[in-house]
All heavy atoms as atom14 arrays in JSON, in Angstrom:
{
  "sequence": "GDILLLNVYMPSGTTGPERQAFKMQWLGFFYEYVRNLRNEHQRFVICG",
  "atom14_mask": [
    [1, 1, 1, 1, 0, 0, 0, 0, 0, 0, 0, 0, 0, 0],
    [1, 1, 1, 1, 1, 1, 1, 1, 0, 0, 0, 0, 0, 0],
    [1, 1, 1, 1, 1, 1, 1, 1, 0, 0, 0, 0, 0, 0],
    [1, 1, 1, 1, 1, 1, 1, 1, 0, 0, 0, 0, 0, 0],
    [1, 1, 1, 1, 1, 1, 1, 1, 0, 0, 0, 0, 0, 0],
    [1, 1, 1, 1, 1, 1, 1, 1, 0, 0, 0, 0, 0, 0],
    [1, 1, 1, 1, 1, 1, 1, 1, 0, 0, 0, 0, 0, 0],
    [1, 1, 1, 1, 1, 1, 1, 0, 0, 0, 0, 0, 0, 0],
    [1, 1, 1, 1, 1, 1, 1, 1, 1, 1, 1, 1, 0, 0],
    [1, 1, 1, 1, 1, 1, 1, 1, 0, 0, 0, 0, 0, 0],
    [1, 1, 1, 1, 1, 1, 1, 0, 0, 0, 0, 0, 0, 0],
    [1, 1, 1, 1, 1, 1, 0, 0, 0, 0, 0, 0, 0, 0],
    [1, 1, 1, 1, 0, 0, 0, 0, 0, 0, 0, 0, 0, 0],
    [1, 1, 1, 1, 1, 1, 1, 0, 0, 0, 0, 0, 0, 0],
    [1, 1, 1, 1, 1, 1, 1, 0, 0, 0, 0, 0, 0, 0],
    [1, 1, 1, 1, 0, 0, 0, 0, 0, 0, 0, 0, 0, 0],
    [1, 1, 1, 1, 1, 1, 1, 0, 0, 0, 0, 0, 0, 0],
    [1, 1, 1, 1, 1, 1, 1, 1, 1, 0, 0, 0, 0, 0],
    [1, 1, 1, 1, 1, 1, 1, 1, 1, 1, 1, 0, 0, 0],
    [1, 1, 1, 1, 1, 1, 1, 1, 1, 0, 0, 0, 0, 0],
    [1, 1, 1, 1, 1, 0, 0, 0, 0, 0, 0, 0, 0, 0],
    [1, 1, 1, 1, 1, 1, 1, 1, 1, 1, 1, 0, 0, 0],
    [1, 1, 1, 1, 1, 1, 1, 1, 1, 0, 0, 0, 0, 0],
    [1, 1, 1, 1, 1, 1, 1, 1, 0, 0, 0, 0, 0, 0],
    [1, 1, 1, 1, 1, 1, 1, 1, 1, 0, 0, 0, 0, 0],
    [1, 1, 1, 1, 1, 1, 1, 1, 1, 1, 1, 1, 1, 1],
    [1, 1, 1, 1, 1, 1, 1, 1, 0, 0, 0, 0, 0, 0],
    [1, 1, 1, 1, 0, 0, 0, 0, 0, 0, 0, 0, 0, 0],
    [1, 1, 1, 1, 1, 1, 1, 1, 1, 1, 1, 0, 0, 0],
    [1, 1, 1, 1, 1, 1, 1, 1, 1, 1, 1, 0, 0, 0],
    [1, 1, 1, 1, 1, 1, 1, 1, 1, 1, 1, 1, 0, 0],
    [1, 1, 1, 1, 1, 1, 1, 1, 1, 0, 0, 0, 0, 0],
    [1, 1, 1, 1, 1, 1, 1, 1, 1, 1, 1, 1, 0, 0],
    [1, 1, 1, 1, 1, 1, 1, 0, 0, 0, 0, 0, 0, 0],
    [1, 1, 1, 1, 1, 1, 1, 1, 1, 1, 1, 0, 0, 0],
    [1, 1, 1, 1, 1, 1, 1, 1, 0, 0, 0, 0, 0, 0],
    [1, 1, 1, 1, 1, 1, 1, 1, 0, 0, 0, 0, 0, 0],
    [1, 1, 1, 1, 1, 1, 1, 1, 1, 1, 1, 0, 0, 0],
    [1, 1, 1, 1, 1, 1, 1, 1, 0, 0, 0, 0, 0, 0],
    [1, 1, 1, 1, 1, 1, 1, 1, 1, 0, 0, 0, 0, 0],
    [1, 1, 1, 1, 1, 1, 1, 1, 1, 1, 0, 0, 0, 0],
    [1, 1, 1, 1, 1, 1, 1, 1, 1, 0, 0, 0, 0, 0],
    [1, 1, 1, 1, 1, 1, 1, 1, 1, 1, 1, 0, 0, 0],
    [1, 1, 1, 1, 1, 1, 1, 1, 1, 1, 1, 0, 0, 0],
    [1, 1, 1, 1, 1, 1, 1, 0, 0, 0, 0, 0, 0, 0],
    [1, 1, 1, 1, 1, 1, 1, 1, 0, 0, 0, 0, 0, 0],
    [1, 1, 1, 1, 1, 1, 0, 0, 0, 0, 0, 0, 0, 0],
    [1, 1, 1, 1, 0, 0, 0, 0, 0, 0, 0, 0, 0, 0]
  ],
  "atom14_positions": [
    [[0.84, -1.18, -0.01], [0.02, -0.01, 0.03], [0.87, 1.25, 0.02], [1.8, 1.35, -0.81], [0.0, 0.0, 0.0], [0.0, 0.0, 0.0], [0.0, 0.0, 0.0], [0.0, 0.0, 0.0], [0.0, 0.0, 0.0], [0.0, 0.0, 0.0], [0.0, 0.0, 0.0], [0.0, 0.0, 0.0], [0.0, 0.0, 0.0], [0.0, 0.0, 0.0]],
    [[0.64, 2.17, 0.97], [1.44, 3.32, 1.01], [2.53, 3.29, 2.13], [3.09, 4.32, 2.53], [0.56, 4.56, 1.23], [-0.15, 4.56, 2.56], [-0.27, 3.51, 3.17], [-0.61, 5.65, 2.98], [0.0, 0.0, 0.0], [0.0, 0.0, 0.0], [0.0, 0.0, 0.0], [0.0, 0.0, 0.0], [0.0, 0.0, 0.0], [0.0, 0.0, 0.0]],
    [[2.84, 2.1, 2.58], [3.8, 1.86, 3.64], [5.03, 1.12, 3.1], [4.93, 0.15, 2.35], [3.15, 1.06, 4.83], [2.04, 1.82, 5.42], [4.18, 0.75, 5.9], [1.24, 1.09, 6.44], [0.0, 0.0, 0.0], [0.0, 0.0, 0.0], [0.0, 0.0, 0.0], [0.0, 0.0, 0.0], [0.0, 0.0, 0.0], [0.0, 0.0, 0.0]],
    [[6.18, 1.64, 3.56], [7.42, 0.92, 3.28], [7.83, 0.22, 4.58], [7.98, 0.85, 5.6], [8.58, 1.86, 2.88], [10.01, 1.29, 2.78], [10.12, 0.19, 1.74], [10.98, 2.37, 2.53], [0.0, 0.0, 0.0], [0.0, 0.0, 0.0], [0.0, 0.0, 0.0], [0.0, 0.0, 0.0], [0.0, 0.0, 0.0], [0.0, 0.0, 0.0]],
    [[7.96, -1.09, 4.59], [8.39, -1.87, 5.7], [9.85, -2.24, 5.52], [10.24, -2.96, 4.57], [7.55, -3.15, 5.89], [8.02, -4.14, 6.91], [8.09, -3.57, 8.32], [7.17, -5.39, 6.85], [0.0, 0.0, 0.0], [0.0, 0.0, 0.0], [0.0, 0.0, 0.0], [0.0, 0.0, 0.0], [0.0, 0.0, 0.0], [0.0, 0.0, 0.0]],
    [[10.78, -1.75, 6.36], [12.16, -2.07, 6.34], [12.5, -3.06, 7.41], [12.11, -2.87, 8.6], [13.03, -0.83, 6.61], [13.2, 0.18, 5.49], [14.12, 1.31, 5.92], [13.77, -0.48, 4.19], [0.0, 0.0, 0.0], [0.0, 0.0, 0.0], [0.0, 0.0, 0.0], [0.0, 0.0, 0.0], [0.0, 0.0, 0.0], [0.0, 0.0, 0.0]],
    [[13.3, -4.12, 7.06], [13.8, -5.08, 8.01], [15.28, -4.92, 8.04], [15.94, -4.98, 6.99], [13.37, -6.49, 7.56], [13.93, -7.52, 8.54], [14.27, -7.27, 9.68], [13.97, -8.77, 8.04], [0.0, 0.0, 0.0], [0.0, 0.0, 0.0], [0.0, 0.0, 0.0], [0.0, 0.0, 0.0], [0.0, 0.0, 0.0], [0.0, 0.0, 0.0]],
    [[15.85, -4.64, 9.16], [17.29, -4.27, 9.29], [18.01, -5.19, 10.3], [17.46, -5.41, 11.36], [17.47, -2.82, 9.71], [18.93, -2.42, 9.77], [16.62, -1.89, 8.84], [0.0, 0.0, 0.0], [0.0, 0.0, 0.0], [0.0, 0.0, 0.0], [0.0, 0.0, 0.0], [0.0, 0.0, 0.0], [0.0, 0.0, 0.0], [0.0, 0.0, 0.0]],
    [[19.21, -5.63, 9.93], [20.12, -6.36, 10.87], [21.33, -5.47, 11.07], [22.19, -5.42, 10.22], [20.42, -7.72, 10.34], [21.34, -8.46, 11.27], [21.05, -8.63, 12.63], [22.55, -9.03, 10.84], [21.84, -9.31, 13.5], [23.41, -9.68, 11.71], [23.07, -9.83, 13.03], [23.92, -10.51, 13.88], [0.0, 0.0, 0.0], [0.0, 0.0, 0.0]],
    [[21.3, -4.75, 12.15], [22.39, -3.74, 12.42], [23.62, -4.48, 12.98], [23.45, -5.48, 13.68], [21.92, -2.7, 13.38], [20.77, -1.89, 12.82], [20.64, -0.3, 13.61], [19.22, 0.38, 12.74], [0.0, 0.0, 0.0], [0.0, 0.0, 0.0], [0.0, 0.0, 0.0], [0.0, 0.0, 0.0], [0.0, 0.0, 0.0], [0.0, 0.0, 0.0]],
    [[24.8, -3.97, 12.69], [26.05, -4.56, 13.2], [26.13, -4.44, 14.71], [25.64, -3.51, 15.29], [27.11, -3.8, 12.46], [26.51, -2.71, 11.72], [25.01, -2.79, 11.83], [0.0, 0.0, 0.0], [0.0, 0.0, 0.0], [0.0, 0.0, 0.0], [0.0, 0.0, 0.0], [0.0, 0.0, 0.0], [0.0, 0.0, 0.0], [0.0, 0.0, 0.0]],
    [[26.83, -5.42, 15.26], [27.15, -5.39, 16.65], [28.46, -4.71, 16.8], [29.34, -4.87, 16.02], [27.1, -6.79, 17.22], [27.59, -6.82, 18.55], [0.0, 0.0, 0.0], [0.0, 0.0, 0.0], [0.0, 0.0, 0.0], [0.0, 0.0, 0.0], [0.0, 0.0, 0.0], [0.0, 0.0, 0.0], [0.0, 0.0, 0.0], [0.0, 0.0, 0.0]],
    [[28.65, -4.05, 17.95], [29.95, -3.45, 18.24], [30.59, -3.92, 19.48], [31.46, -3.36, 20.04], [0.0, 0.0, 0.0], [0.0, 0.0, 0.0], [0.0, 0.0, 0.0], [0.0, 0.0, 0.0], [0.0, 0.0, 0.0], [0.0, 0.0, 0.0], [0.0, 0.0, 0.0], [0.0, 0.0, 0.0], [0.0, 0.0, 0.0], [0.0, 0.0, 0.0]],
    [[30.23, -5.17, 19.82], [30.67, -5.73, 21.1], [32.01, -6.44, 21.14], [32.44, -6.8, 22.18], [29.61, -6.67, 21.68], [29.45, -7.77, 20.8], [28.28, -5.98, 21.91], [0.0, 0.0, 0.0], [0.0, 0.0, 0.0], [0.0, 0.0, 0.0], [0.0, 0.0, 0.0], [0.0, 0.0, 0.0], [0.0, 0.0, 0.0], [0.0, 0.0, 0.0]],
    [[32.57, -6.67, 19.98], [33.85, -7.42, 19.9], [35.12, -6.63, 19.96], [36.16, -7.14, 19.78], [33.81, -8.38, 18.75], [33.72, -7.56, 17.53], [32.68, -9.4, 18.77], [0.0, 0.0, 0.0], [0.0, 0.0, 0.0], [0.0, 0.0, 0.0], [0.0, 0.0, 0.0], [0.0, 0.0, 0.0], [0.0, 0.0, 0.0], [0.0, 0.0, 0.0]],
    [[34.97, -5.31, 20.14], [36.15, -4.49, 20.27], [36.03, -3.17, 19.53], [35.04, -2.91, 18.87], [0.0, 0.0, 0.0], [0.0, 0.0, 0.0], [0.0, 0.0, 0.0], [0.0, 0.0, 0.0], [0.0, 0.0, 0.0], [0.0, 0.0, 0.0], [0.0, 0.0, 0.0], [0.0, 0.0, 0.0], [0.0, 0.0, 0.0], [0.0, 0.0, 0.0]],
    [[37.08, -2.35, 19.63], [37.06, -1.03, 19.06], [36.83, -0.99, 17.49], [36.13, -0.07, 17.06], [38.43, -0.47, 19.4], [38.93, -1.3, 20.51], [38.34, -2.62, 20.43], [0.0, 0.0, 0.0], [0.0, 0.0, 0.0], [0.0, 0.0, 0.0], [0.0, 0.0, 0.0], [0.0, 0.0, 0.0], [0.0, 0.0, 0.0], [0.0, 0.0, 0.0]],
    [[37.42, -1.98, 16.85], [37.25, -1.93, 15.38], [35.72, -2.15, 15.0], [35.22, -1.46, 14.14], [38.12, -3.09, 14.74], [38.12, -3.03, 13.24], [39.0, -4.06, 12.67], [40.19, -4.21, 13.13], [38.65, -4.73, 11.71], [0.0, 0.0, 0.0], [0.0, 0.0, 0.0], [0.0, 0.0, 0.0], [0.0, 0.0, 0.0], [0.0, 0.0, 0.0]],
    [[35.08, -3.11, 15.64], [33.72, -3.37, 15.32], [32.82, -2.2, 15.83], [31.82, -1.88, 15.21], [33.22, -4.67, 15.99], [33.7, -5.89, 15.33], [33.25, -6.04, 13.86], [31.83, -6.15, 13.77], [31.16, -6.04, 12.62], [31.8, -5.81, 11.53], [29.89, -6.08, 12.59], [0.0, 0.0, 0.0], [0.0, 0.0, 0.0], [0.0, 0.0, 0.0]],
    [[33.18, -1.63, 16.96], [32.41, -0.46, 17.39], [32.53, 0.74, 16.46], [31.57, 1.33, 16.22], [32.96, 0.0, 18.84], [32.09, 1.08, 19.45], [30.68, 0.69, 19.69], [30.35, -0.44, 20.09], [29.74, 1.62, 19.46], [0.0, 0.0, 0.0], [0.0, 0.0, 0.0], [0.0, 0.0, 0.0], [0.0, 0.0, 0.0], [0.0, 0.0, 0.0]],
    [[33.7, 0.89, 15.88], [33.93, 1.96, 14.88], [33.07, 1.63, 13.63], [32.4, 2.52, 13.03], [35.38, 2.06, 14.52], [0.0, 0.0, 0.0], [0.0, 0.0, 0.0], [0.0, 0.0, 0.0], [0.0, 0.0, 0.0], [0.0, 0.0, 0.0], [0.0, 0.0, 0.0], [0.0, 0.0, 0.0], [0.0, 0.0, 0.0], [0.0, 0.0, 0.0]],
    [[32.98, 0.36, 13.25], [32.2, -0.03, 12.09], [30.72, 0.22, 12.38], [29.93, 0.74, 11.53], [32.42, -1.47, 11.74], [31.6, -2.0, 10.57], [31.98, -1.68, 9.28], [30.46, -2.78, 10.71], [31.27, -2.07, 8.16], [29.71, -3.18, 9.74], [30.14, -2.85, 8.43], [0.0, 0.0, 0.0], [0.0, 0.0, 0.0], [0.0, 0.0, 0.0]],
    [[30.23, -0.12, 13.58], [28.89, 0.12, 13.96], [28.53, 1.63, 13.88], [27.46, 2.0, 13.44], [28.61, -0.45, 15.37], [27.09, -0.24, 15.75], [26.93, -0.84, 17.1], [25.42, -0.83, 17.49], [24.72, -1.9, 16.79], [0.0, 0.0, 0.0], [0.0, 0.0, 0.0], [0.0, 0.0, 0.0], [0.0, 0.0, 0.0], [0.0, 0.0, 0.0]],
    [[29.41, 2.46, 14.43], [29.15, 3.88, 14.49], [29.16, 4.43, 13.0], [28.29, 5.28, 12.75], [30.23, 4.63, 15.34], [30.22, 4.26, 16.76], [28.6, 4.4, 17.54], [28.36, 6.16, 17.48], [0.0, 0.0, 0.0], [0.0, 0.0, 0.0], [0.0, 0.0, 0.0], [0.0, 0.0, 0.0], [0.0, 0.0, 0.0], [0.0, 0.0, 0.0]],
    [[29.97, 3.94, 12.16], [29.92, 4.3, 10.72], [28.57, 3.91, 10.19], [27.96, 4.7, 9.45], [31.07, 3.58, 9.99], [31.09, 3.81, 8.53], [32.12, 2.97, 7.77], [33.03, 2.42, 8.4], [32.01, 2.91, 6.46], [0.0, 0.0, 0.0], [0.0, 0.0, 0.0], [0.0, 0.0, 0.0], [0.0, 0.0, 0.0], [0.0, 0.0, 0.0]],
    [[28.13, 2.7, 10.46], [26.85, 2.2, 9.93], [25.74, 3.13, 10.49], [24.85, 3.5, 9.71], [26.62, 0.79, 10.38], [25.14, 0.45, 10.46], [24.37, 0.37, 11.58], [24.34, 0.1, 9.39], [23.03, 0.08, 11.23], [22.99, -0.14, 9.92], [24.5, -0.04, 8.01], [21.9, -0.48, 9.08], [23.42, -0.4, 7.18], [22.17, -0.63, 7.73]],
    [[25.75, 3.42, 11.77], [24.66, 4.24, 12.34], [24.57, 5.61, 11.67], [23.48, 6.16, 11.43], [24.87, 4.41, 13.85], [24.57, 3.1, 14.65], [24.95, 3.34, 16.11], [23.14, 2.68, 14.48], [0.0, 0.0, 0.0], [0.0, 0.0, 0.0], [0.0, 0.0, 0.0], [0.0, 0.0, 0.0], [0.0, 0.0, 0.0], [0.0, 0.0, 0.0]],
    [[25.7, 6.21, 11.37], [25.76, 7.49, 10.6], [25.19, 7.35, 9.23], [24.32, 8.18, 8.82], [0.0, 0.0, 0.0], [0.0, 0.0, 0.0], [0.0, 0.0, 0.0], [0.0, 0.0, 0.0], [0.0, 0.0, 0.0], [0.0, 0.0, 0.0], [0.0, 0.0, 0.0], [0.0, 0.0, 0.0], [0.0, 0.0, 0.0], [0.0, 0.0, 0.0]],
    [[25.54, 6.3, 8.56], [25.0, 6.05, 7.24], [23.5, 5.81, 7.32], [22.75, 6.35, 6.49], [25.69, 4.83, 6.57], [24.97, 4.28, 5.35], [25.2, 4.86, 4.16], [24.03, 3.32, 5.44], [24.5, 4.45, 3.04], [23.35, 2.9, 4.34], [23.6, 3.53, 3.09], [0.0, 0.0, 0.0], [0.0, 0.0, 0.0], [0.0, 0.0, 0.0]],
    [[23.08, 5.01, 8.23], [21.67, 4.57, 8.34], [20.79, 5.82, 8.7], [19.7, 5.94, 8.21], [21.46, 3.46, 9.37], [20.1, 2.85, 9.31], [19.75, 2.03, 8.23], [19.23, 3.0, 10.34], [18.5, 1.44, 8.14], [17.95, 2.45, 10.29], [17.6, 1.66, 9.21], [0.0, 0.0, 0.0], [0.0, 0.0, 0.0], [0.0, 0.0, 0.0]],
    [[21.28, 6.66, 9.51], [20.55, 7.84, 9.91], [20.25, 8.71, 8.63], [19.08, 9.11, 8.4], [21.35, 8.74, 10.87], [20.68, 10.02, 11.24], [19.62, 10.03, 12.14], [21.1, 11.15, 10.61], [19.01, 11.3, 12.44], [20.5, 12.39, 10.89], [19.45, 12.43, 11.78], [18.78, 13.63, 12.07], [0.0, 0.0, 0.0], [0.0, 0.0, 0.0]],
    [[21.25, 8.86, 7.76], [21.1, 9.63, 6.52], [20.11, 8.86, 5.6], [19.36, 9.5, 4.87], [22.43, 9.93, 5.87], [23.27, 10.98, 6.67], [22.54, 12.35, 6.84], [21.86, 12.75, 5.81], [22.67, 12.9, 7.9], [0.0, 0.0, 0.0], [0.0, 0.0, 0.0], [0.0, 0.0, 0.0], [0.0, 0.0, 0.0], [0.0, 0.0, 0.0]],
    [[20.34, 7.6, 5.51], [19.47, 6.76, 4.65], [18.02, 6.97, 5.01], [17.17, 7.16, 4.13], [19.95, 5.32, 4.77], [19.13, 4.32, 4.08], [19.04, 4.2, 2.67], [18.34, 3.39, 4.73], [18.33, 3.3, 2.02], [17.53, 2.45, 4.12], [17.53, 2.41, 2.76], [16.77, 1.48, 2.11], [0.0, 0.0, 0.0], [0.0, 0.0, 0.0]],
    [[17.71, 6.85, 6.29], [16.35, 7.04, 6.76], [15.87, 8.44, 6.51], [14.69, 8.63, 6.13], [16.16, 6.62, 8.23], [14.8, 6.97, 8.8], [16.42, 5.03, 8.36], [0.0, 0.0, 0.0], [0.0, 0.0, 0.0], [0.0, 0.0, 0.0], [0.0, 0.0, 0.0], [0.0, 0.0, 0.0], [0.0, 0.0, 0.0], [0.0, 0.0, 0.0]],
    [[16.7, 9.39, 6.77], [16.32, 10.79, 6.47], [15.88, 10.96, 5.02], [14.91, 11.66, 4.73], [17.5, 11.71, 6.83], [17.22, 12.61, 8.05], [18.32, 13.52, 8.28], [18.27, 14.62, 7.34], [19.37, 15.41, 7.01], [20.5, 15.21, 7.63], [19.24, 16.34, 6.13], [0.0, 0.0, 0.0], [0.0, 0.0, 0.0], [0.0, 0.0, 0.0]],
    [[16.67, 10.43, 4.16], [16.29, 10.48, 2.7], [15.05, 9.72, 2.38], [14.22, 10.17, 1.56], [17.45, 9.96, 1.83], [18.62, 10.9, 1.86], [18.48, 12.11, 1.96], [19.83, 10.32, 1.68], [0.0, 0.0, 0.0], [0.0, 0.0, 0.0], [0.0, 0.0, 0.0], [0.0, 0.0, 0.0], [0.0, 0.0, 0.0], [0.0, 0.0, 0.0]],
    [[14.81, 8.62, 3.09], [13.59, 7.85, 2.84], [12.32, 8.69, 3.23], [11.25, 8.57, 2.62], [13.55, 6.53, 3.7], [14.38, 5.42, 3.21], [14.27, 4.24, 4.1], [13.95, 4.99, 1.79], [0.0, 0.0, 0.0], [0.0, 0.0, 0.0], [0.0, 0.0, 0.0], [0.0, 0.0, 0.0], [0.0, 0.0, 0.0], [0.0, 0.0, 0.0]],
    [[12.47, 9.5, 4.24], [11.34, 10.37, 4.66], [10.9, 11.35, 3.58], [9.76, 11.74, 3.56], [11.72, 11.13, 5.92], [11.83, 10.19, 7.1], [12.09, 10.98, 8.35], [10.89, 11.71, 8.7], [10.82, 12.47, 9.71], [11.85, 12.71, 10.49], [9.75, 13.11, 9.97], [0.0, 0.0, 0.0], [0.0, 0.0, 0.0], [0.0, 0.0, 0.0]],
    [[11.85, 11.63, 2.66], [11.49, 12.51, 1.53], [10.62, 11.75, 0.5], [9.87, 12.34, -0.29], [12.71, 13.06, 0.84], [13.5, 13.94, 1.73], [12.94, 14.64, 2.56], [14.82, 13.97, 1.56], [0.0, 0.0, 0.0], [0.0, 0.0, 0.0], [0.0, 0.0, 0.0], [0.0, 0.0, 0.0], [0.0, 0.0, 0.0], [0.0, 0.0, 0.0]],
    [[10.81, 10.43, 0.42], [10.09, 9.55, -0.62], [8.86, 8.97, -0.04], [7.95, 8.63, -0.8], [11.09, 8.53, -1.12], [12.31, 9.05, -1.74], [13.32, 7.96, -2.03], [12.89, 6.8, -2.27], [14.51, 8.21, -1.95], [0.0, 0.0, 0.0], [0.0, 0.0, 0.0], [0.0, 0.0, 0.0], [0.0, 0.0, 0.0], [0.0, 0.0, 0.0]],
    [[8.82, 8.63, 1.21], [7.75, 7.85, 1.82], [7.24, 8.6, 3.08], [8.0, 8.86, 4.01], [8.26, 6.45, 2.24], [8.88, 5.71, 1.17], [8.17, 5.04, 0.16], [10.19, 5.54, 0.8], [9.01, 4.48, -0.67], [10.28, 4.73, -0.31], [0.0, 0.0, 0.0], [0.0, 0.0, 0.0], [0.0, 0.0, 0.0], [0.0, 0.0, 0.0]],
    [[5.94, 8.77, 3.06], [5.35, 9.45, 4.19], [5.2, 8.48, 5.44], [5.21, 8.81, 6.55], [4.04, 10.08, 3.92], [4.17, 11.25, 2.95], [3.07, 12.24, 3.07], [2.14, 11.96, 3.62], [3.33, 13.43, 2.53], [0.0, 0.0, 0.0], [0.0, 0.0, 0.0], [0.0, 0.0, 0.0], [0.0, 0.0, 0.0], [0.0, 0.0, 0.0]],
    [[4.97, 7.24, 5.02], [4.71, 6.19, 6.06], [5.69, 5.05, 5.9], [5.75, 4.46, 4.78], [3.28, 5.72, 5.94], [2.29, 6.85, 6.12], [0.88, 6.32, 5.95], [0.56, 5.41, 7.06], [-0.42, 4.49, 6.98], [-1.25, 4.49, 5.96], [-0.69, 3.76, 8.01], [0.0, 0.0, 0.0], [0.0, 0.0, 0.0], [0.0, 0.0, 0.0]],
    [[6.48, 4.76, 6.94], [7.28, 3.55, 6.9], [7.51, 3.04, 8.3], [7.34, 3.69, 9.26], [8.6, 3.75, 6.12], [9.49, 4.78, 6.65], [10.5, 4.51, 7.54], [9.43, 6.1, 6.18], [11.38, 5.49, 8.0], [10.29, 7.12, 6.57], [11.28, 6.8, 7.54], [0.0, 0.0, 0.0], [0.0, 0.0, 0.0], [0.0, 0.0, 0.0]],
    [[7.83, 1.74, 8.35], [8.14, 1.09, 9.57], [9.52, 0.46, 9.44], [9.86, -0.09, 8.47], [7.05, -0.08, 9.8], [7.43, -0.92, 11.05], [5.67, 0.45, 9.93], [0.0, 0.0, 0.0], [0.0, 0.0, 0.0], [0.0, 0.0, 0.0], [0.0, 0.0, 0.0], [0.0, 0.0, 0.0], [0.0, 0.0, 0.0], [0.0, 0.0, 0.0]],
    [[10.26, 0.59, 10.54], [11.59, 0.01, 10.56], [11.65, -0.99, 11.68], [11.34, -0.6, 12.87], [12.71, 1.08, 10.84], [12.67, 2.12, 9.74], [14.09, 0.39, 10.86], [13.58, 3.32, 10.0], [0.0, 0.0, 0.0], [0.0, 0.0, 0.0], [0.0, 0.0, 0.0], [0.0, 0.0, 0.0], [0.0, 0.0, 0.0], [0.0, 0.0, 0.0]],
    [[11.93, -2.26, 11.38], [12.06, -3.23, 12.45], [13.3, -4.07, 12.16], [13.95, -3.93, 11.18], [10.84, -4.08, 12.58], [10.59, -5.15, 11.12], [0.0, 0.0, 0.0], [0.0, 0.0, 0.0], [0.0, 0.0, 0.0], [0.0, 0.0, 0.0], [0.0, 0.0, 0.0], [0.0, 0.0, 0.0], [0.0, 0.0, 0.0], [0.0, 0.0, 0.0]],
    [[13.7, -4.83, 13.18], [14.81, -5.69, 12.99], [15.6, -5.87, 14.25], [15.09, -5.59, 15.33], [0.0, 0.0, 0.0], [0.0, 0.0, 0.0], [0.0, 0.0, 0.0], [0.0, 0.0, 0.0], [0.0, 0.0, 0.0], [0.0, 0.0, 0.0], [0.0, 0.0, 0.0], [0.0, 0.0, 0.0], [0.0, 0.0, 0.0], [0.0, 0.0, 0.0]]
  ]
}
């Protein structure tokens, strides 16, 4: 319908500084990704 349903498996940062840095990089990317989605979709659900 008019809803975008996103299913996301986010990285874990628990195995050390390198993985934590990767997770933080992902979170920055994902934040911008979702911000852009808001321009295209008025209604969406993010789960995962």
